Protein backbone atom coordinates (compact mmCIF):
# COMPACT_ATOMS: atom_id res chain seq x y z
CA UNK A 1 -26.50 -5.17 1.33
CA UNK A 2 -23.90 -7.62 0.07
CA UNK A 3 -22.46 -9.69 2.92
CA UNK A 4 -19.69 -11.08 0.71
CA UNK A 5 -16.55 -9.12 -0.24
CA UNK A 6 -17.01 -7.11 -3.41
CA UNK A 7 -14.28 -9.29 -4.93
CA UNK A 8 -12.28 -12.35 -3.94
CA UNK A 9 -9.08 -11.97 -1.94
CA UNK A 10 -6.17 -13.35 -3.95
CA UNK A 11 -3.54 -15.83 -2.78
CA UNK A 12 -0.92 -13.15 -3.43
CA UNK A 13 -2.70 -10.70 -1.10
CA UNK A 14 -2.80 -13.33 1.65
CA UNK A 15 0.92 -14.02 1.21
CA UNK A 16 1.67 -10.27 1.28
CA UNK A 17 -0.30 -9.90 4.52
CA UNK A 18 1.84 -12.54 6.25
CA UNK A 19 5.14 -11.42 4.69
CA UNK A 20 4.72 -7.66 5.24
CA UNK A 21 2.18 -7.59 8.06
CA UNK A 22 0.04 -5.25 5.94
CA UNK A 23 -1.78 -5.36 2.61
CA UNK A 24 -3.83 -2.93 0.56
CA UNK A 25 -7.18 -4.40 -0.53
CA UNK A 26 -8.76 -2.20 -3.22
CA UNK A 27 -12.51 -2.27 -3.89
CA UNK A 28 -13.48 -4.68 -1.11
CA UNK A 29 -16.67 -2.97 0.14
CA UNK A 30 -19.74 -1.89 -1.81
CA UNK A 31 -20.74 1.78 -1.67
CA UNK A 32 -23.73 0.87 0.51
CA UNK A 33 -21.40 -0.17 3.35
CA UNK A 34 -19.45 3.09 3.06
CA UNK A 35 -22.66 5.11 3.21
CA UNK A 36 -23.90 3.12 6.22
CA UNK A 37 -20.67 3.76 8.12
CA UNK A 38 -20.79 7.45 7.20
CA UNK A 39 -24.26 7.64 8.75
CA UNK A 40 -22.96 5.86 11.84
CA UNK A 41 -19.98 8.15 12.10
CA UNK A 42 -22.21 11.23 12.01
CA UNK A 43 -24.32 9.72 14.81
CA UNK A 44 -21.14 8.84 16.74
CA UNK A 45 -19.77 12.39 16.50
CA UNK A 46 -23.13 13.76 17.67
CA UNK A 47 -23.30 11.23 20.51
CA UNK A 48 -19.76 10.23 21.52
CA UNK A 49 -19.18 7.29 23.83
CA UNK A 50 -17.55 7.57 27.25
CA UNK A 51 -14.22 6.61 25.64
CA UNK A 52 -14.21 9.46 23.13
CA UNK A 53 -11.77 12.33 23.25
CA UNK A 54 -10.06 14.92 21.12
CA UNK A 55 -6.46 13.93 20.44
CA UNK A 56 -5.48 17.31 19.04
CA UNK A 57 -6.85 20.86 18.89
CA UNK A 58 -4.72 23.56 17.25
CA UNK A 59 -4.85 27.35 17.34
CA UNK A 60 -7.21 27.39 14.36
CA UNK A 61 -9.69 25.11 16.10
CA UNK A 62 -8.90 22.09 13.91
CA UNK A 63 -9.32 18.81 15.74
CA UNK A 64 -8.68 15.10 15.62
CA UNK A 65 -11.63 13.27 17.18
CA UNK A 66 -11.22 9.71 18.44
CA UNK A 67 -13.71 7.21 19.78
CA UNK A 68 -13.54 3.49 20.48
CA UNK A 69 -15.93 0.68 21.48
CA UNK A 70 -18.92 2.72 20.34
CA UNK A 71 -20.51 -0.16 18.41
CA UNK A 72 -23.03 -1.14 21.10
CA UNK A 73 -24.62 2.32 20.88
CA UNK A 74 -24.41 2.89 17.12
CA UNK A 75 -26.75 0.65 15.12
CA UNK A 76 -24.89 1.26 11.83
CA UNK A 77 -21.63 0.04 13.41
CA UNK A 78 -23.37 -3.04 14.81
CA UNK A 79 -24.80 -3.88 11.39
CA UNK A 80 -21.39 -3.49 9.75
CA UNK A 81 -19.68 -5.72 12.33
CA UNK A 82 -22.17 -8.58 12.06
CA UNK A 83 -23.24 -8.38 8.42
CA UNK A 84 -20.42 -6.82 6.35
CA UNK A 85 -17.56 -8.82 4.75
CA UNK A 86 -15.01 -7.44 7.27
CA UNK A 87 -14.87 -10.53 9.51
CA UNK A 88 -14.53 -12.82 6.49
CA UNK A 89 -11.74 -10.63 5.07
CA UNK A 90 -9.83 -10.86 8.36
CA UNK A 91 -10.42 -14.60 8.60
CA UNK A 92 -9.23 -15.33 5.08
CA UNK A 93 -6.13 -13.16 5.48
CA UNK A 94 -5.17 -14.75 8.80
CA UNK A 95 -6.12 -18.26 7.58
CA UNK A 96 -8.15 -18.59 10.79
CA UNK A 97 -10.81 -21.14 11.65
CA UNK A 98 -12.92 -18.59 13.55
CA UNK A 99 -13.01 -14.82 14.04
CA UNK A 100 -14.15 -12.82 17.08
CA UNK A 101 -14.77 -9.10 17.01
CA UNK A 102 -12.53 -7.08 19.38
CA UNK A 103 -13.41 -3.38 19.09
CA UNK A 104 -14.04 -0.49 16.73
CA UNK A 105 -12.20 2.84 16.59
CA UNK A 106 -12.90 6.01 14.60
CA UNK A 107 -10.57 8.87 13.65
CA UNK A 108 -12.00 12.15 12.33
CA UNK A 109 -9.68 14.99 11.31
CA UNK A 110 -10.88 18.50 10.47
CA UNK A 111 -9.95 19.91 7.04
CA UNK A 112 -6.37 21.15 7.16
CA UNK A 113 -5.49 19.34 10.40
CA UNK A 114 -1.73 18.95 10.76
CA UNK A 115 -1.86 16.33 13.50
CA UNK A 116 0.06 13.15 12.60
CA UNK A 117 -0.38 9.82 14.38
CA UNK A 118 2.71 8.89 16.45
CA UNK A 119 4.47 5.74 15.25
CA UNK A 120 3.61 2.67 17.32
CA UNK A 121 2.51 -0.96 17.35
CA UNK A 122 -0.98 -1.88 18.58
CA UNK A 123 -0.60 -5.18 20.41
CA UNK A 124 1.56 -3.85 23.30
CA UNK A 125 -1.38 -1.60 24.29
CA UNK A 126 -4.06 -4.27 24.06
CA UNK A 127 -5.48 -6.61 26.70
CA UNK A 128 -5.06 -9.52 24.28
CA UNK A 129 -2.01 -11.25 22.79
CA UNK A 130 -1.43 -13.37 19.71
CA UNK A 131 -0.18 -13.30 16.13
CA UNK A 132 -3.69 -13.67 14.72
CA UNK A 133 -4.95 -10.12 15.18
CA UNK A 134 -6.05 -7.95 12.28
CA UNK A 135 -7.17 -4.34 11.90
CA UNK A 136 -9.28 -3.36 8.89
CA UNK A 137 -8.63 0.36 8.21
CA UNK A 138 -11.33 1.96 6.04
CA UNK A 139 -11.31 5.59 4.85
CA UNK A 140 -14.78 6.99 4.25
CA UNK A 141 -13.40 9.80 2.10
CA UNK A 142 -10.65 9.79 -0.57
CA UNK A 143 -7.18 9.94 0.96
CA UNK A 144 -3.77 10.59 -0.61
CA UNK A 145 -0.88 8.32 0.30
CA UNK A 146 0.95 11.14 2.09
CA UNK A 147 -2.07 11.60 4.40
CA UNK A 148 -2.99 7.92 4.88
CA UNK A 149 -1.71 5.66 7.62
CA UNK A 150 1.80 4.40 6.78
CA UNK A 151 3.48 1.11 7.69
CA UNK A 152 6.88 -0.55 8.11
CA UNK A 153 6.70 -3.85 6.18
CA UNK A 154 7.94 -6.87 8.10
CA UNK A 155 7.97 -5.11 11.47
CA UNK A 156 5.35 -7.55 12.80
CA UNK A 157 8.12 -10.15 12.95
CA UNK A 158 10.37 -8.11 15.27
CA UNK A 159 10.64 -9.49 18.81
CA UNK A 160 12.06 -6.37 20.49
CA UNK A 161 9.87 -4.67 23.10
CA UNK A 162 10.02 -1.00 22.11
CA UNK A 163 9.15 2.06 24.17
CA UNK A 164 5.69 2.81 22.83
CA UNK A 165 4.01 6.22 22.85
CA UNK A 166 1.58 7.08 25.66
CA UNK A 167 -1.56 8.17 23.81
CA UNK A 168 -3.00 9.33 27.13
CA UNK A 169 -0.84 12.43 26.69
CA UNK A 170 -3.02 13.44 23.72
CA UNK A 171 -5.67 15.03 25.91
CA UNK A 172 -5.96 18.80 25.30
CA UNK A 173 -9.31 18.91 27.14
CA UNK A 174 -7.73 17.43 30.29
CA UNK A 175 -10.35 14.70 30.58
CA UNK A 176 -10.16 12.43 33.60
CA UNK A 177 -9.81 8.65 33.43
CA UNK A 178 -7.98 8.61 30.09
CA UNK A 179 -6.10 5.33 29.70
CA UNK A 180 -2.36 5.55 30.35
CA UNK A 181 0.58 3.31 29.44
CA UNK A 182 4.16 3.33 30.73
CA UNK A 183 6.66 1.14 28.90
CA UNK A 184 9.73 2.63 30.60
CA UNK A 185 10.30 -0.38 32.89
CA UNK A 186 9.91 -3.10 30.26
CA UNK A 187 11.15 -1.52 27.03
CA UNK A 188 14.34 -2.94 25.56
CA UNK A 189 14.88 -0.07 23.11
CA UNK A 190 13.53 3.36 22.23
CA UNK A 191 11.03 3.30 19.38
CA UNK A 192 12.82 3.85 16.05
CA UNK A 193 12.72 7.37 14.59
CA UNK A 194 10.99 6.32 11.40
CA UNK A 195 10.21 9.85 10.16
CA UNK A 196 13.94 10.69 10.16
CA UNK A 197 14.64 8.18 7.39
CA UNK A 198 11.45 6.54 6.05
CA UNK A 199 13.30 5.07 3.05
CA UNK A 200 15.58 3.11 5.37
CA UNK A 201 12.53 1.47 6.95
CA UNK A 202 10.79 0.89 3.62
CA UNK A 203 7.72 2.85 4.73
CA UNK A 204 4.66 2.27 2.54
CA UNK A 205 1.24 3.88 2.18
CA UNK A 206 -1.31 4.21 -0.61
CA UNK A 207 -3.80 6.52 -2.28
CA UNK A 208 -7.20 5.13 -1.30
CA UNK A 209 -10.85 5.55 -2.18
CA UNK A 210 -13.95 4.71 -0.12
CA UNK A 211 -14.51 0.98 -0.53
CA UNK A 212 -10.77 0.26 -0.30
CA UNK A 213 -9.24 -0.94 2.95
CA UNK A 214 -5.87 -1.78 4.43
CA UNK A 215 -5.54 -4.82 6.67
CA UNK A 216 -2.61 -5.05 9.07
CA UNK A 217 -1.29 -7.17 11.91
CA UNK A 218 -1.43 -5.52 15.34
CA UNK A 219 2.36 -5.96 15.67
CA UNK A 220 3.08 -3.94 12.51
CA UNK A 221 4.64 -0.50 13.08
CA UNK A 222 2.37 2.23 11.76
CA UNK A 223 1.72 5.95 12.09
CA UNK A 224 2.08 9.23 10.29
CA UNK A 225 -1.44 9.74 8.93
CA UNK A 226 -2.67 13.32 8.79
CA UNK A 227 -1.18 16.71 7.82
CA UNK A 228 -4.09 17.46 5.52
CA UNK A 229 -4.58 20.11 2.87
CA UNK A 230 -6.91 22.97 3.82
CA UNK A 231 -9.74 21.56 1.71
CA UNK A 232 -9.33 17.92 2.77
CA UNK A 233 -10.68 16.13 5.84
CA UNK A 234 -10.14 12.51 6.87
CA UNK A 235 -12.78 10.14 8.28
CA UNK A 236 -11.67 6.60 9.08
CA UNK A 237 -13.53 3.64 10.57
CA UNK A 238 -11.49 0.70 11.84
CA UNK A 239 -12.43 -2.70 13.17
CA UNK A 240 -10.17 -5.06 15.13
CA UNK A 241 -10.52 -8.82 14.71
CA UNK A 242 -9.18 -11.80 16.69
CA UNK A 243 -8.13 -15.10 15.15
CA UNK A 244 -7.22 -18.54 16.42
CA UNK A 245 -4.24 -18.05 18.75
CA UNK A 246 -5.41 -14.95 20.65
CA UNK A 247 -5.78 -14.98 24.44
CA UNK A 248 -6.38 -12.36 27.12
CA UNK A 249 -3.28 -10.72 28.57
CA UNK A 250 -3.64 -8.04 31.25
CA UNK A 251 -0.43 -6.02 30.93
CA UNK A 252 1.47 -4.40 33.79
CA UNK A 253 2.44 -1.37 31.68
CA UNK A 254 -1.23 -0.41 31.26
CA UNK A 255 -3.54 -0.81 28.27
CA UNK A 256 -5.18 1.59 25.82
CA UNK A 257 -8.03 0.97 25.46
CA UNK A 258 -8.03 -0.85 28.79
CA UNK A 259 -10.56 -3.69 28.58
CA UNK A 260 -9.54 -5.36 31.85
CA UNK A 261 -12.51 -4.08 33.90
CA UNK A 262 -15.22 -5.06 31.41
CA UNK A 263 -13.53 -8.39 30.74
CA UNK A 264 -13.39 -9.19 34.45
CA UNK A 265 -17.04 -8.20 34.94
CA UNK A 266 -18.19 -10.88 32.47
CA UNK A 267 -15.92 -13.55 33.95
CA UNK A 268 -13.02 -13.43 31.48
CA UNK A 269 -9.55 -13.80 32.97
CA UNK A 270 -5.89 -13.75 31.95
CA UNK A 271 -5.19 -16.55 29.46
CA UNK A 272 -8.81 -17.02 28.34
CA UNK A 273 -9.99 -16.94 24.75
CA UNK A 274 -11.96 -13.69 24.27
CA UNK A 275 -15.67 -14.32 23.93
CA UNK A 276 -19.07 -13.42 25.45
CA UNK A 277 -21.32 -10.73 23.97
CA UNK A 278 -18.47 -8.22 24.34
CA UNK A 279 -16.22 -10.05 21.84
CA UNK A 280 -18.67 -12.09 19.78
CA UNK A 281 -17.73 -14.79 17.29
CA UNK A 282 -18.77 -13.34 13.93
CA UNK A 283 -17.29 -15.68 11.32
CA UNK A 284 -16.31 -19.34 11.02
CA UNK A 285 -14.61 -21.10 8.16
CA UNK A 286 -16.93 -23.48 6.34
């Protein structure tokens, strides 16, 4: 399969990524990569990792399945991480010298699911900190803009610590050991009610096809994906990438997913550059 992006990233797309904190990248992955991830996702759903859970189950039995850090047990994910253009895409967008892989996450919604992702920023939940973090969000099925993940352009530049949502509350099966966060003691403001007036916040999203992706900074406000038509499902594979200025930060408010235990086991500590086989270096600028 082609290890290079299906097309070159433009200078305008790089500028948009840094200005808005998010950019749509159409036609970046060949169909072979989409098919490989679809195979991996089927294997993942049949054999979930210990971090998997259902975020939502409604009265009609429709669900939103979530899993993270499954790549070490899913060969198709591993191949995508090390051989696909994703790391190069993140590196070129962030203008980084080197890129480490952080973790993968999958989101699978049943046809007709009405669950919508709560608005949030990613970095406050993570056990790393830095501007140079990038998520590559890839739908494996066509998605309309009203059902895709939506973003607030420029919100990655805000310095306010907002009260973020506790995703541990999304646990209808009452699983034990689900990661929890509590921002009540450190938050400076409540999280903005973006759904009340999306035009005021300039919310953007896009129609997308398999092979397209959206790349966004972990500080960018995002949410709202879902609320599907009865004949439409949504399968999304995401990868998280770490650039030059990122260091480990164990946060007092909790982390989701909480990597502190596995980081400590391999000798990583607060302030270190992520590395080891858990967070491998995948790409370097020539």
